[in-house]
Amino acid sequence: MDSIKQGANYISESAKQAMHGVSKDANKEVAKDNNAPIGTRASAAKDALGDKFNENKHDAKAEAHKQQI
């Protein structure tokens, strides 16, 4: 039963990782957009860094759950 729980947690963390990856990429594109205001670009760059941190965090959690299956 514990392996089912770990499998579900793995799937959940992998989904969160993917979501943050997509958000990171979108924010990077906004940060690179020369037509966007500098404040918007700076905010997007900051958000991309946060998304990268969260992406790595969820990757580590997913790997830990995978190892416990």
C-alpha atoms as a PDB file:
ATOM      1  CA  MET A   1       0.000   0.000   0.000  1.00  0.00           C
ATOM      2  CA  ASP A   2       2.882   2.349   0.759  1.00  0.00           C
ATOM      3  CA  SER A   3       4.242   1.918  -2.763  1.00  0.00           C
ATOM      4  CA  ILE A   4       0.904   3.111  -4.173  1.00  0.00           C
ATOM      5  CA  LYS A   5       1.114   6.230  -2.005  1.00  0.00           C
ATOM      6  CA  GLN A   6       4.716   6.840  -3.060  1.00  0.00           C
ATOM      7  CA  GLY A   7       3.717   6.358  -6.707  1.00  0.00           C
ATOM      8  CA  ALA A   8       0.943   8.915  -6.355  1.00  0.00           C
ATOM      9  CA  ASN A   9       3.329  11.347  -4.673  1.00  0.00           C
ATOM     10  CA  TYR A  10       5.849  10.793  -7.465  1.00  0.00           C
ATOM     11  CA  ILE A  11       3.239  11.612 -10.106  1.00  0.00           C
ATOM     12  CA  SER A  12       2.116  14.698  -8.184  1.00  0.00           C
ATOM     13  CA  GLU A  13       5.649  16.036  -7.772  1.00  0.00           C
ATOM     14  CA  SER A  14       6.453  15.308 -11.417  1.00  0.00           C
ATOM     15  CA  ALA A  15       3.382  17.269 -12.506  1.00  0.00           C
ATOM     16  CA  LYS A  16       4.369  20.206 -10.296  1.00  0.00           C
ATOM     17  CA  GLN A  17       7.892  20.062 -11.715  1.00  0.00           C
ATOM     18  CA  ALA A  18       6.536  20.197 -15.265  1.00  0.00           C
ATOM     19  CA  MET A  19       4.205  23.086 -14.408  1.00  0.00           C
ATOM     20  CA  HIS A  20       7.073  25.144 -13.001  1.00  0.00           C
ATOM     21  CA  GLY A  21       9.194  24.299 -16.038  1.00  0.00           C
ATOM     22  CA  VAL A  22       6.569  25.686 -18.399  1.00  0.00           C
ATOM     23  CA  SER A  23       6.127  28.783 -16.249  1.00  0.00           C
ATOM     24  CA  LYS A  24       9.898  29.287 -16.101  1.00  0.00           C
ATOM     25  CA  ASP A  25      10.183  29.153 -19.878  1.00  0.00           C
ATOM     26  CA  ALA A  26       7.314  31.618 -20.334  1.00  0.00           C
ATOM     27  CA  ASN A  27       8.855  34.026 -17.839  1.00  0.00           C
ATOM     28  CA  LYS A  28      12.228  33.767 -19.560  1.00  0.00           C
ATOM     29  CA  GLU A  29      10.628  34.764 -22.846  1.00  0.00           C
ATOM     30  CA  VAL A  30       8.969  37.806 -21.252  1.00  0.00           C
ATOM     31  CA  ALA A  31      12.281  38.770 -19.629  1.00  0.00           C
ATOM     32  CA  LYS A  32      13.974  38.677 -23.056  1.00  0.00           C
ATOM     33  CA  ASP A  33      11.244  40.715 -24.800  1.00  0.00           C
ATOM     34  CA  ASN A  34      12.751  44.090 -25.701  1.00  0.00           C
ATOM     35  CA  ASN A  35       9.274  45.520 -26.282  1.00  0.00           C
ATOM     36  CA  ALA A  36       8.147  44.853 -22.697  1.00  0.00           C
ATOM     37  CA  PRO A  37       8.609  47.522 -20.033  1.00  0.00           C
ATOM     38  CA  ILE A  38      11.736  47.117 -17.896  1.00  0.00           C
ATOM     39  CA  GLY A  39       9.668  46.534 -14.746  1.00  0.00           C
ATOM     40  CA  THR A  40       7.776  43.712 -16.421  1.00  0.00           C
ATOM     41  CA  ARG A  41      10.998  42.189 -17.689  1.00  0.00           C
ATOM     42  CA  ALA A  42      12.624  42.380 -14.253  1.00  0.00           C
ATOM     43  CA  SER A  43       9.591  40.826 -12.589  1.00  0.00           C
ATOM     44  CA  ALA A  44       9.521  38.015 -15.159  1.00  0.00           C
ATOM     45  CA  ALA A  45      13.222  37.351 -14.613  1.00  0.00           C
ATOM     46  CA  LYS A  46      12.658  37.133 -10.856  1.00  0.00           C
ATOM     47  CA  ASP A  47       9.694  34.812 -11.383  1.00  0.00           C
ATOM     48  CA  ALA A  48      11.757  32.611 -13.714  1.00  0.00           C
ATOM     49  CA  LEU A  49      14.368  32.193 -10.979  1.00  0.00           C
ATOM     50  CA  GLY A  50      11.658  31.240  -8.505  1.00  0.00           C
ATOM     51  CA  ASP A  51      10.190  28.768 -10.969  1.00  0.00           C
ATOM     52  CA  LYS A  52      13.622  27.223 -11.538  1.00  0.00           C
ATOM     53  CA  PHE A  53      14.065  26.805  -7.777  1.00  0.00           C
ATOM     54  CA  ASN A  54      10.631  25.181  -7.459  1.00  0.00           C
ATOM     55  CA  GLU A  55      11.243  22.994 -10.501  1.00  0.00           C
ATOM     56  CA  ASN A  56      14.424  21.635  -8.908  1.00  0.00           C
ATOM     57  CA  LYS A  57      12.714  21.202  -5.532  1.00  0.00           C
ATOM     58  CA  HIS A  58       9.882  19.149  -7.038  1.00  0.00           C
ATOM     59  CA  ASP A  59      12.361  17.123  -9.098  1.00  0.00           C
ATOM     60  CA  ALA A  60      14.226  16.164  -5.928  1.00  0.00           C
ATOM     61  CA  LYS A  61      11.002  15.262  -4.132  1.00  0.00           C
ATOM     62  CA  ALA A  62       9.810  13.193  -7.097  1.00  0.00           C
ATOM     63  CA  GLU A  63      13.113  11.326  -7.186  1.00  0.00           C
ATOM     64  CA  ALA A  64      12.865  10.613  -3.449  1.00  0.00           C
ATOM     65  CA  HIS A  65       9.338   9.200  -3.881  1.00  0.00           C
ATOM     66  CA  LYS A  66      10.494   7.151  -6.881  1.00  0.00           C
ATOM     67  CA  GLN A  67      13.287   5.604  -4.812  1.00  0.00           C
ATOM     68  CA  GLN A  68      10.778   4.544  -2.131  1.00  0.00           C
ATOM     69  CA  ILE A  69       8.548   2.652  -4.561  1.00  0.00           C
END
